[in-house]
Amino acid sequence: MCVFSGVFLAREELPDSDPEDTSEELTEVVCLESDLQDGQMMEVEVGRHSVLLTRSEGRYSAIGNQCTHYGAPLSEGVISGNTVRCPWHGACFNVQTGDLEEYPGMDCLPCHKVQTRKDGHVTLKQEKRVKSMGAAVAGVTHTVLLLGGGAASLICAETLRQEGFGGRILLVTRDDLLPYDKTRLSKVMNVENDSILLRRMEFFHQHDIEVWLRKEALSVDTDRKTVTFDDGSVQRYDQLLISTGCRAKGLDVPGMKLDNVRMLETPEDARQIHTSCLGCNVVLVGTSFVGMEVASYLIDKASSVTVISSSELPYQNTLGREIGKVTMKMLSENNVKFYMNDNVTEVKGVDGKVKEVVLKSGKVIPADVLIVGIGIKPNSEFLLDSKIPMDSKHFVTVDKYMRTNISSVYCGGDLATFPLAMAKNRLVNIGHWQMAQAHGRIAALNMLDKPTELSSVPYYWTVLLGKTIRYAGYGEGYTDIVMKGAFEDRKFLALYIKNDEVIAAASLNYDPAVSAVAERFVAGKVITKKEAEYAKHVLFFFIISIFG
């Protein structure tokens, strides 16, 4: 039988765990030894705590069962070797140590030592394992300057301290808020700042990470290794990470300066959109992931929601026509109106406020609020006079180590164009949270002369009406889709095919299929079109992810 004995730690306690802690031990019978075979996992309850028990090559391991990202049960995810992948958003953890191995999670999991007794019982004893982080060391003047307050900069700073860097770390952002979870802005728009902070100021103080808020870079001199800021100050660096991200692109039409024309960039923008749209006629331009999430959020708050797009369907160039149709149907059933293959030509107002939106087709749509979500522009103007290379769209080009062609200068996050390993090192720009976090870690390791290549598989998600569409891989240029389930049932797995191989997967109500496919991609193993067509059930992807 399997017996659990151990101390359990809440996630928020992990960074500050006391090695002398003497919390109460728990011992309970949780299963028979025969209940768990190699390559399997199960959730066990010990006291009030959920624990993930796994077995690999005859060895038992136990870690916390709740993903440190949004609390998903890892027991419903995918296990491959010594890694378990979250079923919701793809975060990965080592089942033997609890260490975080892939984002978007931020923290590691509590880990418990397992012993097999001679009488056949398996005993799990608490073994504290916290990802330790250092602080600045007196006399070390080496300075790492991080431009931008997003995921890449934060993870870079944390990784540097985790790896023993004792120099100065300076994170500078034009935001007035510490690094926060930007993915939530379009999903929970009436959000309080405190609820989305990734780390609190005490964390930065504890680990000697300096944060400068409301400060914007104006220029970079890579010869002198200095950055000039909008307040006139100049900061020298030894190594530089540029992760200033992107901003929303505006419409170039008359009337854009009227009141109640909104774009979503900050928590304050999100709150203003929420407040201004209550009981009003809302027109939303653009059918991006963010745009569709905002439309979904406003359904039960606005008087009416109308979406305008120059494309035929939402997500047409990313998730494809069928998922675009499903999205339109889901929202249309909730009274969202769509005007597709059309463009805004003018915004008309009365008393300085939005009143009507005029379309190229001649249609005129009543509007109290206009929300624009038609794309992004890189925040790279301050680099135009520098030697740092940019592509034709002014994104910064880096190699697989996140290095620019300038010594000691790195770039990550939405601003970076980088070689994607799973796409045969094709240069891509992927503006998603998990990839930005991975960029920050890779940049930090290479700053420390620990050569590490970017190998993460893109994984992202979008939420509509409480349902989550998950996506892994890189599907640009796909020529075919193999379907499992049915679009009309809103329960499906779409496998995107190029050159007779699966290059991406998207799902709705089909967990943990996308996580299983992501594990196959990470392992560098091909899923052929024939395999995809042969698969009759999601369990097939467990088999190919582990044994394929």
Protein backbone atom coordinates (compact mmCIF):
# COMPACT_ATOMS: atom_id res chain seq x y z
CA MET A 1 0.00 0.00 0.00
CA CYS A 2 1.09 3.63 -0.48
CA VAL A 3 1.33 5.76 2.64
CA PHE A 4 1.79 9.52 2.64
CA SER A 5 3.66 11.30 5.38
CA GLY A 6 4.58 14.92 4.95
CA VAL A 7 4.32 18.66 5.50
CA PHE A 8 2.41 20.64 2.90
CA LEU A 9 3.13 24.22 1.97
CA ALA A 10 0.76 26.73 0.38
CA ARG A 11 2.06 28.08 -2.91
CA GLU A 12 2.51 31.59 -1.59
CA GLU A 13 4.63 30.27 1.27
CA LEU A 14 7.21 28.67 -0.97
CA PRO A 15 9.59 31.62 -1.56
CA ASP A 16 9.84 32.34 2.15
CA SER A 17 9.78 28.81 3.59
CA ASP A 18 11.55 28.38 6.89
CA PRO A 19 13.96 25.41 6.83
CA GLU A 20 13.39 24.95 10.57
CA ASP A 21 9.61 24.77 10.18
CA THR A 22 8.04 21.99 12.23
CA SER A 23 4.53 21.83 10.81
CA GLU A 24 2.33 18.88 11.66
CA GLU A 25 3.13 15.65 9.80
CA LEU A 26 0.34 13.75 8.08
CA THR A 27 0.31 10.01 7.46
CA GLU A 28 -2.45 8.38 5.47
CA VAL A 29 -2.97 5.28 3.33
CA VAL A 30 -3.63 6.60 -0.17
CA CYS A 31 -3.51 3.61 -2.54
CA LEU A 32 -2.28 0.09 -3.19
CA GLU A 33 1.13 -0.19 -4.77
CA SER A 34 -0.48 -2.02 -7.69
CA ASP A 35 -2.77 0.94 -8.37
CA LEU A 36 0.01 2.87 -10.10
CA GLN A 37 2.02 1.52 -13.01
CA ASP A 38 5.10 3.03 -14.67
CA GLY A 39 4.23 6.17 -16.64
CA GLN A 40 1.06 6.77 -14.65
CA MET A 41 -0.02 9.38 -12.13
CA MET A 42 -2.90 9.95 -9.78
CA GLU A 43 -4.24 12.56 -7.39
CA VAL A 44 -4.22 11.59 -3.72
CA GLU A 45 -5.80 13.54 -0.89
CA VAL A 46 -3.83 13.92 2.32
CA GLY A 47 -5.61 15.99 4.91
CA ARG A 48 -6.92 18.97 2.99
CA HIS A 49 -4.12 18.86 0.43
CA SER A 50 -4.05 17.53 -3.11
CA VAL A 51 -0.87 15.65 -4.03
CA LEU A 52 0.25 14.28 -7.40
CA LEU A 53 1.67 10.77 -7.04
CA THR A 54 3.64 9.46 -10.04
CA ARG A 55 5.62 6.35 -10.93
CA SER A 56 8.43 6.10 -13.49
CA GLU A 57 10.78 3.11 -13.92
CA GLY A 58 9.57 1.75 -10.61
CA ARG A 59 10.30 5.01 -8.76
CA TYR A 60 7.55 6.89 -6.97
CA SER A 61 7.48 10.69 -6.75
CA ALA A 62 5.07 13.16 -5.21
CA ILE A 63 4.60 16.89 -5.74
CA GLY A 64 1.78 19.36 -5.25
CA ASN A 65 -1.09 18.70 -7.66
CA GLN A 66 -2.18 22.28 -8.38
CA CYS A 67 -0.38 24.14 -11.15
CA THR A 68 1.20 27.32 -9.83
CA HIS A 69 -0.22 29.31 -12.75
CA TYR A 70 -4.01 29.19 -12.30
CA GLY A 71 -4.41 26.12 -10.09
CA ALA A 72 -5.25 23.46 -12.69
CA PRO A 73 -5.16 19.84 -11.45
CA LEU A 74 -1.95 18.39 -12.88
CA SER A 75 -3.38 14.88 -12.49
CA GLU A 76 -5.59 15.71 -15.48
CA GLY A 77 -2.58 16.75 -17.57
CA VAL A 78 0.07 14.76 -19.42
CA ILE A 79 3.07 12.93 -17.96
CA SER A 80 6.09 12.19 -20.11
CA GLY A 81 9.21 10.80 -18.47
CA ASN A 82 9.89 12.97 -15.43
CA THR A 83 7.77 15.89 -16.65
CA VAL A 84 4.11 16.64 -16.07
CA ARG A 85 2.42 19.25 -18.27
CA CYS A 86 -0.57 21.27 -17.12
CA PRO A 87 -3.79 20.52 -19.07
CA TRP A 88 -4.91 24.16 -19.14
CA HIS A 89 -2.00 26.36 -20.21
CA GLY A 90 0.96 24.04 -20.72
CA ALA A 91 3.19 24.81 -17.72
CA CYS A 92 5.59 21.93 -16.98
CA PHE A 93 7.02 20.61 -13.72
CA ASN A 94 9.62 18.00 -12.84
CA VAL A 95 7.77 15.25 -10.97
CA GLN A 96 10.84 14.37 -8.89
CA THR A 97 11.76 17.87 -7.71
CA GLY A 98 8.68 20.02 -8.34
CA ASP A 99 10.86 22.44 -10.31
CA LEU A 100 9.17 24.58 -12.94
CA GLU A 101 10.44 23.51 -16.38
CA GLU A 102 8.16 25.48 -18.70
CA TYR A 103 6.01 28.57 -18.33
CA PRO A 104 3.47 30.22 -17.88
CA GLY A 105 3.71 29.09 -14.25
CA MET A 106 5.92 31.27 -12.06
CA ASP A 107 6.62 29.16 -8.99
CA CYS A 108 7.79 25.64 -8.30
CA LEU A 109 5.75 23.01 -6.46
CA PRO A 110 6.25 21.48 -3.01
CA CYS A 111 8.05 18.16 -3.29
CA HIS A 112 7.94 15.09 -1.08
CA LYS A 113 10.49 12.31 -0.67
CA VAL A 114 9.25 8.80 -1.41
CA GLN A 115 10.47 5.63 0.29
CA THR A 116 9.41 2.04 -0.43
CA ARG A 117 9.21 -0.06 2.71
CA LYS A 118 10.12 -3.72 2.91
CA ASP A 119 6.52 -4.61 3.70
CA GLY A 120 5.47 -3.25 0.33
CA HIS A 121 4.16 0.09 1.60
CA VAL A 122 5.23 3.27 -0.17
CA THR A 123 5.84 6.14 2.24
CA LEU A 124 6.01 9.77 1.14
CA LYS A 125 7.89 12.08 3.48
CA GLN A 126 8.04 15.83 3.22
CA GLU A 127 11.21 17.24 1.72
CA LYS A 128 11.21 21.02 1.36
CA ARG A 129 12.48 22.18 -1.98
CA VAL A 130 12.31 25.88 -2.73
CA LYS A 131 13.90 27.48 -5.77
CA SER A 132 16.42 29.59 -3.90
CA MET A 133 17.18 33.10 -5.01
CA GLY A 134 20.16 35.17 -3.96
CA ALA A 135 20.65 38.90 -3.65
CA ALA A 136 23.29 41.48 -4.53
CA VAL A 137 26.80 40.85 -3.28
CA ALA A 138 28.79 43.74 -1.84
CA GLY A 139 31.53 44.91 -4.18
CA VAL A 140 30.03 43.39 -7.34
CA THR A 141 29.38 46.31 -9.69
CA HIS A 142 28.37 44.40 -12.83
CA THR A 143 25.00 45.86 -13.90
CA VAL A 144 22.23 44.16 -15.87
CA LEU A 145 19.70 46.68 -17.17
CA LEU A 146 16.24 45.39 -18.11
CA LEU A 147 14.13 47.72 -20.26
CA GLY A 148 10.43 46.93 -19.97
CA GLY A 149 8.24 45.74 -17.13
CA GLY A 150 6.72 42.63 -18.68
CA ALA A 151 7.19 38.89 -18.43
CA ALA A 152 10.58 38.70 -20.15
CA SER A 153 12.22 41.27 -17.86
CA LEU A 154 10.76 39.78 -14.69
CA ILE A 155 11.78 36.21 -15.50
CA CYS A 156 15.24 37.39 -16.57
CA ALA A 157 15.70 39.11 -13.20
CA GLU A 158 14.48 36.09 -11.26
CA THR A 159 16.61 33.65 -13.23
CA LEU A 160 19.73 35.76 -12.68
CA ARG A 161 19.22 35.65 -8.93
CA GLN A 162 18.32 31.94 -8.97
CA GLU A 163 21.57 31.23 -10.80
CA GLY A 164 23.67 33.11 -8.25
CA PHE A 165 24.25 36.44 -10.01
CA GLY A 166 25.39 38.92 -7.34
CA GLY A 167 25.58 42.12 -9.36
CA ARG A 168 23.09 44.93 -9.80
CA ILE A 169 19.76 44.26 -11.51
CA LEU A 170 17.75 47.26 -12.64
CA LEU A 171 14.27 46.86 -14.16
CA VAL A 172 12.92 50.02 -15.80
CA THR A 173 9.39 50.45 -17.11
CA ARG A 174 7.22 53.32 -18.29
CA ASP A 175 4.28 51.64 -16.50
CA ASP A 176 3.15 52.92 -13.12
CA LEU A 177 2.63 49.36 -11.90
CA LEU A 178 4.96 46.49 -10.98
CA PRO A 179 5.03 43.56 -13.46
CA TYR A 180 1.51 42.15 -13.76
CA ASP A 181 -0.43 39.42 -15.58
CA LYS A 182 -1.40 41.17 -18.80
CA THR A 183 -3.28 38.12 -20.11
CA ARG A 184 -6.11 38.89 -17.70
CA LEU A 185 -6.87 42.39 -18.94
CA SER A 186 -9.19 41.25 -21.73
CA LYS A 187 -10.75 38.47 -19.66
CA VAL A 188 -11.52 40.19 -16.33
CA MET A 189 -11.63 43.84 -17.25
CA ASN A 190 -12.89 45.32 -14.00
CA VAL A 191 -9.64 44.28 -12.38
CA GLU A 192 -7.89 45.64 -9.32
CA ASN A 193 -4.15 46.27 -9.67
CA ASP A 194 -3.24 44.20 -6.60
CA SER A 195 -5.01 41.13 -7.94
CA ILE A 196 -2.84 40.86 -11.06
CA LEU A 197 0.63 41.67 -9.69
CA LEU A 198 3.08 38.86 -10.39
CA ARG A 199 5.36 39.86 -7.51
CA ARG A 200 4.98 42.43 -4.77
CA MET A 201 7.52 45.11 -3.89
CA GLU A 202 8.74 43.10 -0.91
CA PHE A 203 9.92 40.41 -3.31
CA PHE A 204 12.02 42.86 -5.30
CA HIS A 205 13.49 44.35 -2.12
CA GLN A 206 14.31 40.91 -0.71
CA HIS A 207 16.28 39.93 -3.80
CA ASP A 208 17.84 43.31 -4.53
CA ILE A 209 16.05 43.86 -7.83
CA GLU A 210 15.70 47.61 -8.36
CA VAL A 211 12.50 48.71 -10.10
CA TRP A 212 12.10 52.14 -11.68
CA LEU A 213 8.49 52.94 -12.59
CA ARG A 214 7.17 55.68 -14.91
CA LYS A 215 10.49 55.97 -16.73
CA GLU A 216 10.91 55.54 -20.48
CA ALA A 217 14.05 54.91 -22.52
CA LEU A 218 14.73 57.50 -25.24
CA SER A 219 17.96 56.16 -26.74
CA VAL A 220 20.63 53.47 -26.42
CA ASP A 221 24.34 54.01 -27.03
CA THR A 222 25.85 50.56 -27.44
CA ASP A 223 29.40 51.93 -27.79
CA ARG A 224 29.28 53.66 -24.41
CA LYS A 225 26.86 51.05 -23.00
CA THR A 226 24.41 53.68 -21.80
CA VAL A 227 20.66 54.28 -21.95
CA THR A 228 19.17 57.79 -21.80
CA PHE A 229 15.73 58.19 -20.21
CA ASP A 230 12.92 60.71 -20.58
CA ASP A 231 13.81 62.42 -17.29
CA GLY A 232 17.29 63.21 -18.60
CA SER A 233 19.07 60.54 -16.58
CA VAL A 234 21.66 58.26 -18.15
CA GLN A 235 22.27 54.72 -16.91
CA ARG A 236 25.31 52.63 -17.74
CA TYR A 237 24.99 48.85 -18.19
CA ASP A 238 27.25 45.85 -18.62
CA GLN A 239 24.48 43.75 -20.14
CA LEU A 240 21.16 44.91 -21.53
CA LEU A 241 17.82 43.18 -22.14
CA ILE A 242 15.37 45.09 -24.31
CA SER A 243 11.81 43.91 -23.76
CA THR A 244 9.71 47.04 -24.17
CA GLY A 245 6.94 45.14 -25.96
CA CYS A 246 4.32 46.60 -28.25
CA ARG A 247 1.39 48.98 -28.08
CA ALA A 248 -2.04 49.02 -29.67
CA LYS A 249 -2.31 50.36 -33.21
CA GLY A 250 -4.88 53.10 -33.76
CA LEU A 251 -7.28 53.68 -36.64
CA ASP A 252 -6.23 56.34 -39.13
CA VAL A 253 -9.69 57.81 -39.72
CA PRO A 254 -11.47 61.06 -38.80
CA GLY A 255 -12.98 61.13 -35.31
CA MET A 256 -10.38 59.11 -33.41
CA LYS A 257 -9.90 61.94 -30.91
CA LEU A 258 -13.52 61.82 -29.72
CA ASP A 259 -14.27 60.80 -26.16
CA ASN A 260 -15.01 57.10 -25.58
CA VAL A 261 -12.62 55.86 -28.25
CA ARG A 262 -10.73 53.17 -26.35
CA MET A 263 -7.73 50.91 -26.80
CA LEU A 264 -6.65 48.20 -24.35
CA GLU A 265 -3.08 48.43 -23.06
CA THR A 266 -3.13 48.84 -19.29
CA PRO A 267 -5.25 47.85 -16.27
CA GLU A 268 -6.60 51.39 -16.19
CA ASP A 269 -7.66 51.04 -19.85
CA ALA A 270 -9.45 47.80 -18.95
CA ARG A 271 -11.33 49.43 -16.07
CA GLN A 272 -12.32 52.40 -18.21
CA ILE A 273 -13.64 50.10 -20.94
CA HIS A 274 -15.65 48.18 -18.36
CA THR A 275 -17.16 51.33 -16.86
CA SER A 276 -17.83 53.20 -20.09
CA CYS A 277 -19.52 50.22 -21.76
CA LEU A 278 -22.11 49.45 -19.07
CA GLY A 279 -25.55 49.69 -20.67
CA CYS A 280 -24.13 51.26 -23.84
CA ASN A 281 -23.91 50.47 -27.54
CA VAL A 282 -20.38 49.23 -28.10
CA VAL A 283 -18.59 48.89 -31.44
CA LEU A 284 -15.40 46.86 -31.48
CA VAL A 285 -13.02 46.99 -34.45
CA GLY A 286 -10.84 43.93 -35.00
CA THR A 287 -11.20 40.18 -34.52
CA SER A 288 -7.92 39.35 -32.79
CA PHE A 289 -7.80 37.08 -29.73
CA VAL A 290 -7.98 40.14 -27.48
CA GLY A 291 -10.83 41.66 -29.49
CA MET A 292 -12.95 38.51 -29.29
CA GLU A 293 -12.28 38.20 -25.56
CA VAL A 294 -13.41 41.78 -24.99
CA ALA A 295 -16.58 41.17 -27.04
CA SER A 296 -17.28 38.04 -24.97
CA TYR A 297 -16.69 39.90 -21.71
CA LEU A 298 -19.10 42.72 -22.63
CA ILE A 299 -22.03 40.53 -23.70
CA ASP A 300 -23.89 40.77 -20.39
CA LYS A 301 -22.74 44.31 -19.62
CA ALA A 302 -23.28 46.41 -22.75
CA SER A 303 -26.63 47.16 -24.33
CA SER A 304 -25.28 45.94 -27.66
CA VAL A 305 -21.97 44.66 -29.01
CA THR A 306 -21.03 45.01 -32.68
CA VAL A 307 -17.81 43.70 -34.21
CA ILE A 308 -16.28 45.08 -37.42
CA SER A 309 -13.43 43.40 -39.28
CA SER A 310 -11.70 43.60 -42.63
CA SER A 311 -11.37 39.80 -42.64
CA GLU A 312 -14.06 37.25 -43.45
CA LEU A 313 -13.75 35.37 -40.14
CA PRO A 314 -12.07 35.78 -36.75
CA TYR A 315 -8.65 34.12 -36.39
CA GLN A 316 -8.72 33.35 -40.12
CA ASN A 317 -4.94 33.46 -40.54
CA THR A 318 -4.11 31.69 -37.27
CA LEU A 319 -6.72 29.13 -36.20
CA GLY A 320 -8.40 28.78 -39.57
CA ARG A 321 -11.86 29.19 -41.02
CA GLU A 322 -13.68 26.48 -39.07
CA ILE A 323 -12.67 27.75 -35.64
CA GLY A 324 -13.43 31.26 -36.84
CA LYS A 325 -16.95 30.11 -37.73
CA VAL A 326 -17.40 28.47 -34.32
CA THR A 327 -16.27 31.67 -32.62
CA MET A 328 -18.70 33.80 -34.61
CA LYS A 329 -21.54 31.39 -33.88
CA MET A 330 -20.83 31.32 -30.14
CA LEU A 331 -20.85 35.10 -29.95
CA SER A 332 -23.73 35.59 -32.40
CA GLU A 333 -25.92 33.33 -30.29
CA ASN A 334 -25.33 35.84 -27.52
CA ASN A 335 -26.47 38.76 -29.68
CA VAL A 336 -23.07 39.99 -30.86
CA LYS A 337 -23.46 41.43 -34.38
CA PHE A 338 -20.71 41.03 -36.98
CA TYR A 339 -19.90 43.20 -40.01
CA MET A 340 -17.14 41.31 -41.79
CA ASN A 341 -15.16 42.23 -44.92
CA ASP A 342 -15.70 45.87 -44.05
CA ASN A 343 -13.71 48.82 -42.69
CA VAL A 344 -14.32 51.94 -40.62
CA THR A 345 -14.01 55.13 -42.65
CA GLU A 346 -15.16 57.70 -40.09
CA VAL A 347 -16.18 58.06 -36.46
CA LYS A 348 -18.87 60.69 -35.94
CA GLY A 349 -19.62 62.38 -32.65
CA VAL A 350 -22.01 64.69 -30.85
CA ASP A 351 -20.77 67.05 -28.13
CA GLY A 352 -17.31 65.61 -28.43
CA LYS A 353 -18.41 61.99 -27.83
CA VAL A 354 -18.70 59.02 -30.16
CA LYS A 355 -22.15 58.71 -31.71
CA GLU A 356 -21.82 56.72 -34.95
CA VAL A 357 -19.33 54.58 -36.82
CA VAL A 358 -19.41 54.82 -40.61
CA LEU A 359 -18.27 51.80 -42.65
CA LYS A 360 -16.80 51.58 -46.13
CA SER A 361 -19.91 49.66 -47.20
CA GLY A 362 -22.02 52.71 -46.31
CA LYS A 363 -23.53 51.20 -43.20
CA VAL A 364 -23.80 53.49 -40.18
CA ILE A 365 -23.71 51.86 -36.74
CA PRO A 366 -24.84 53.61 -33.54
CA ALA A 367 -22.07 53.69 -30.97
CA ASP A 368 -21.57 55.10 -27.50
CA VAL A 369 -18.13 53.50 -27.19
CA LEU A 370 -15.63 52.49 -29.87
CA ILE A 371 -12.95 49.97 -28.97
CA VAL A 372 -10.06 49.56 -31.40
CA GLY A 373 -8.12 46.30 -31.50
CA ILE A 374 -6.62 46.05 -34.96
CA GLY A 375 -3.07 45.07 -34.15
CA ILE A 376 0.14 46.22 -32.53
CA LYS A 377 3.16 48.43 -33.11
CA PRO A 378 6.56 47.66 -31.58
CA ASN A 379 7.91 50.02 -28.95
CA SER A 380 11.25 50.36 -30.68
CA GLU A 381 11.43 53.98 -31.81
CA PHE A 382 14.17 54.65 -29.24
CA LEU A 383 16.39 52.14 -31.06
CA LEU A 384 16.17 53.75 -34.50
CA ASP A 385 19.46 55.64 -34.11
CA SER A 386 21.27 52.74 -32.46
CA LYS A 387 23.29 49.91 -33.98
CA ILE A 388 20.79 47.30 -32.78
CA PRO A 389 19.35 45.44 -35.80
CA MET A 390 15.65 45.55 -36.59
CA ASP A 391 13.58 44.02 -39.37
CA SER A 392 11.37 45.91 -41.82
CA LYS A 393 8.57 46.12 -39.23
CA HIS A 394 10.94 47.46 -36.55
CA PHE A 395 11.04 44.28 -34.46
CA VAL A 396 14.46 43.39 -33.04
CA THR A 397 16.18 40.35 -34.53
CA VAL A 398 17.92 37.90 -32.18
CA ASP A 399 19.53 34.47 -32.39
CA LYS A 400 18.53 31.29 -30.52
CA TYR A 401 20.36 32.62 -27.44
CA MET A 402 18.27 35.84 -27.49
CA ARG A 403 21.37 37.85 -28.47
CA THR A 404 21.32 40.74 -30.91
CA ASN A 405 24.37 41.28 -33.12
CA ILE A 406 25.67 43.75 -30.52
CA SER A 407 27.77 42.25 -27.75
CA SER A 408 25.99 42.19 -24.34
CA VAL A 409 22.66 43.30 -25.81
CA TYR A 410 19.70 40.88 -25.71
CA CYS A 411 16.05 41.21 -26.67
CA GLY A 412 12.93 39.27 -25.67
CA GLY A 413 9.16 39.29 -25.49
CA ASP A 414 6.78 40.74 -28.08
CA LEU A 415 9.52 42.97 -29.51
CA ALA A 416 11.78 40.08 -30.56
CA THR A 417 11.96 38.24 -33.86
CA PHE A 418 13.65 34.95 -33.06
CA PRO A 419 14.42 31.51 -34.55
CA LEU A 420 11.77 28.98 -33.52
CA ALA A 421 13.32 25.54 -33.06
CA MET A 422 10.18 23.54 -33.88
CA ALA A 423 9.79 25.52 -37.14
CA LYS A 424 13.31 24.59 -38.31
CA ASN A 425 14.68 27.85 -36.84
CA ARG A 426 12.50 30.06 -38.98
CA LEU A 427 12.55 33.66 -37.76
CA VAL A 428 9.18 34.43 -36.16
CA ASN A 429 7.52 37.02 -33.95
CA ILE A 430 5.14 35.46 -31.42
CA GLY A 431 3.53 37.88 -29.00
CA HIS A 432 2.40 35.45 -26.32
CA TRP A 433 2.96 35.36 -22.59
CA GLN A 434 4.64 31.97 -22.25
CA MET A 435 7.17 32.70 -24.98
CA ALA A 436 8.10 36.05 -23.40
CA GLN A 437 8.79 34.27 -20.12
CA ALA A 438 10.96 31.70 -21.91
CA HIS A 439 12.87 34.52 -23.64
CA GLY A 440 13.69 36.07 -20.27
CA ARG A 441 15.08 32.84 -18.87
CA ILE A 442 17.19 32.08 -21.94
CA ALA A 443 18.59 35.62 -22.00
CA ALA A 444 19.55 35.40 -18.32
CA LEU A 445 21.33 32.06 -18.68
CA ASN A 446 23.34 33.28 -21.64
CA MET A 447 24.22 36.52 -19.86
CA LEU A 448 25.81 34.27 -17.25
CA ASP A 449 27.83 32.36 -19.87
CA LYS A 450 25.62 29.29 -19.49
CA PRO A 451 24.96 28.63 -23.19
CA THR A 452 21.29 27.68 -23.54
CA GLU A 453 19.20 27.64 -26.71
CA LEU A 454 15.54 28.59 -26.88
CA SER A 455 13.58 25.36 -27.35
CA SER A 456 10.11 26.20 -26.01
CA VAL A 457 7.03 25.21 -27.97
CA PRO A 458 4.54 28.11 -28.26
CA TYR A 459 1.44 27.52 -26.13
CA TYR A 460 -1.40 29.97 -25.66
CA TRP A 461 -5.09 30.15 -24.92
CA THR A 462 -8.11 32.36 -25.39
CA VAL A 463 -11.32 32.45 -23.36
CA LEU A 464 -14.80 32.96 -24.85
CA LEU A 465 -17.97 32.74 -22.77
CA GLY A 466 -16.14 30.80 -20.11
CA LYS A 467 -14.79 28.25 -22.61
CA THR A 468 -11.08 28.03 -23.40
CA ILE A 469 -9.55 27.40 -26.81
CA ARG A 470 -6.00 26.10 -26.34
CA TYR A 471 -3.27 26.16 -28.97
CA ALA A 472 0.26 24.74 -29.20
CA GLY A 473 2.81 24.84 -31.99
CA TYR A 474 3.30 27.12 -34.96
CA GLY A 475 0.69 26.65 -37.66
CA GLU A 476 1.56 29.33 -40.20
CA GLY A 477 1.47 27.93 -43.72
CA TYR A 478 -0.63 24.88 -42.83
CA THR A 479 -2.33 23.23 -45.81
CA ASP A 480 -4.79 20.87 -44.14
CA ILE A 481 -6.58 20.23 -40.85
CA VAL A 482 -7.30 16.83 -39.33
CA MET A 483 -10.29 17.00 -37.00
CA LYS A 484 -11.20 15.02 -33.90
CA GLY A 485 -14.64 15.63 -32.48
CA ALA A 486 -16.93 18.12 -34.17
CA PHE A 487 -16.91 21.89 -34.51
CA GLU A 488 -20.69 22.00 -34.26
CA ASP A 489 -20.57 20.17 -30.91
CA ARG A 490 -17.99 22.65 -29.63
CA LYS A 491 -15.81 19.77 -28.58
CA PHE A 492 -12.91 19.28 -30.94
CA LEU A 493 -9.21 18.89 -31.54
CA ALA A 494 -7.83 20.46 -34.73
CA LEU A 495 -4.44 19.24 -35.96
CA TYR A 496 -2.77 21.55 -38.47
CA ILE A 497 -0.84 19.78 -41.23
CA LYS A 498 2.07 20.94 -43.38
CA ASN A 499 4.25 18.64 -45.49
CA ASP A 500 2.32 15.64 -44.08
CA GLU A 501 3.27 16.52 -40.48
CA VAL A 502 1.33 18.06 -37.60
CA ILE A 503 2.76 21.52 -36.90
CA ALA A 504 0.15 22.83 -34.44
CA ALA A 505 -2.96 21.83 -32.50
CA ALA A 506 -6.00 23.68 -31.18
CA SER A 507 -8.80 22.37 -29.01
CA LEU A 508 -12.05 23.23 -27.27
CA ASN A 509 -13.35 20.98 -24.48
CA TYR A 510 -10.80 18.31 -25.48
CA ASP A 511 -8.28 18.45 -22.65
CA PRO A 512 -5.50 17.49 -22.30
CA ALA A 513 -4.96 16.83 -26.01
CA VAL A 514 -3.10 20.06 -26.80
CA SER A 515 -0.72 19.49 -23.89
CA ALA A 516 -0.07 15.95 -25.14
CA VAL A 517 0.72 17.24 -28.63
CA ALA A 518 2.99 19.91 -27.13
CA GLU A 519 4.96 17.19 -25.33
CA ARG A 520 5.49 15.42 -28.64
CA PHE A 521 6.76 18.65 -30.19
CA VAL A 522 9.14 19.26 -27.26
CA ALA A 523 10.60 15.78 -27.70
CA GLY A 524 11.28 16.57 -31.36
CA LYS A 525 9.10 13.66 -32.46
CA VAL A 526 7.01 13.96 -35.59
CA ILE A 527 3.27 13.32 -35.64
CA THR A 528 2.53 12.32 -39.21
CA LYS A 529 -0.70 13.11 -40.98
CA LYS A 530 -1.36 9.37 -41.13
CA GLU A 531 -0.98 9.08 -37.34
CA ALA A 532 -3.28 12.06 -36.86
CA GLU A 533 -5.93 10.59 -39.14
CA TYR A 534 -5.64 7.20 -37.44
CA ALA A 535 -6.17 8.56 -33.94
CA LYS A 536 -9.69 7.88 -32.72
CA HIS A 537 -9.41 9.19 -29.19
CA VAL A 538 -7.46 11.72 -27.19
CA LEU A 539 -5.70 8.86 -25.35
CA PHE A 540 -3.81 8.20 -28.56
CA PHE A 541 -1.83 11.35 -27.94
CA PHE A 542 -0.80 10.14 -24.52
CA ILE A 543 0.61 7.05 -26.17
CA ILE A 544 2.51 8.86 -28.91
CA SER A 545 3.78 11.54 -26.53
CA ILE A 546 5.34 8.92 -24.28
CA PHE A 547 6.27 6.07 -26.58
CA GLY A 548 6.26 7.65 -30.02
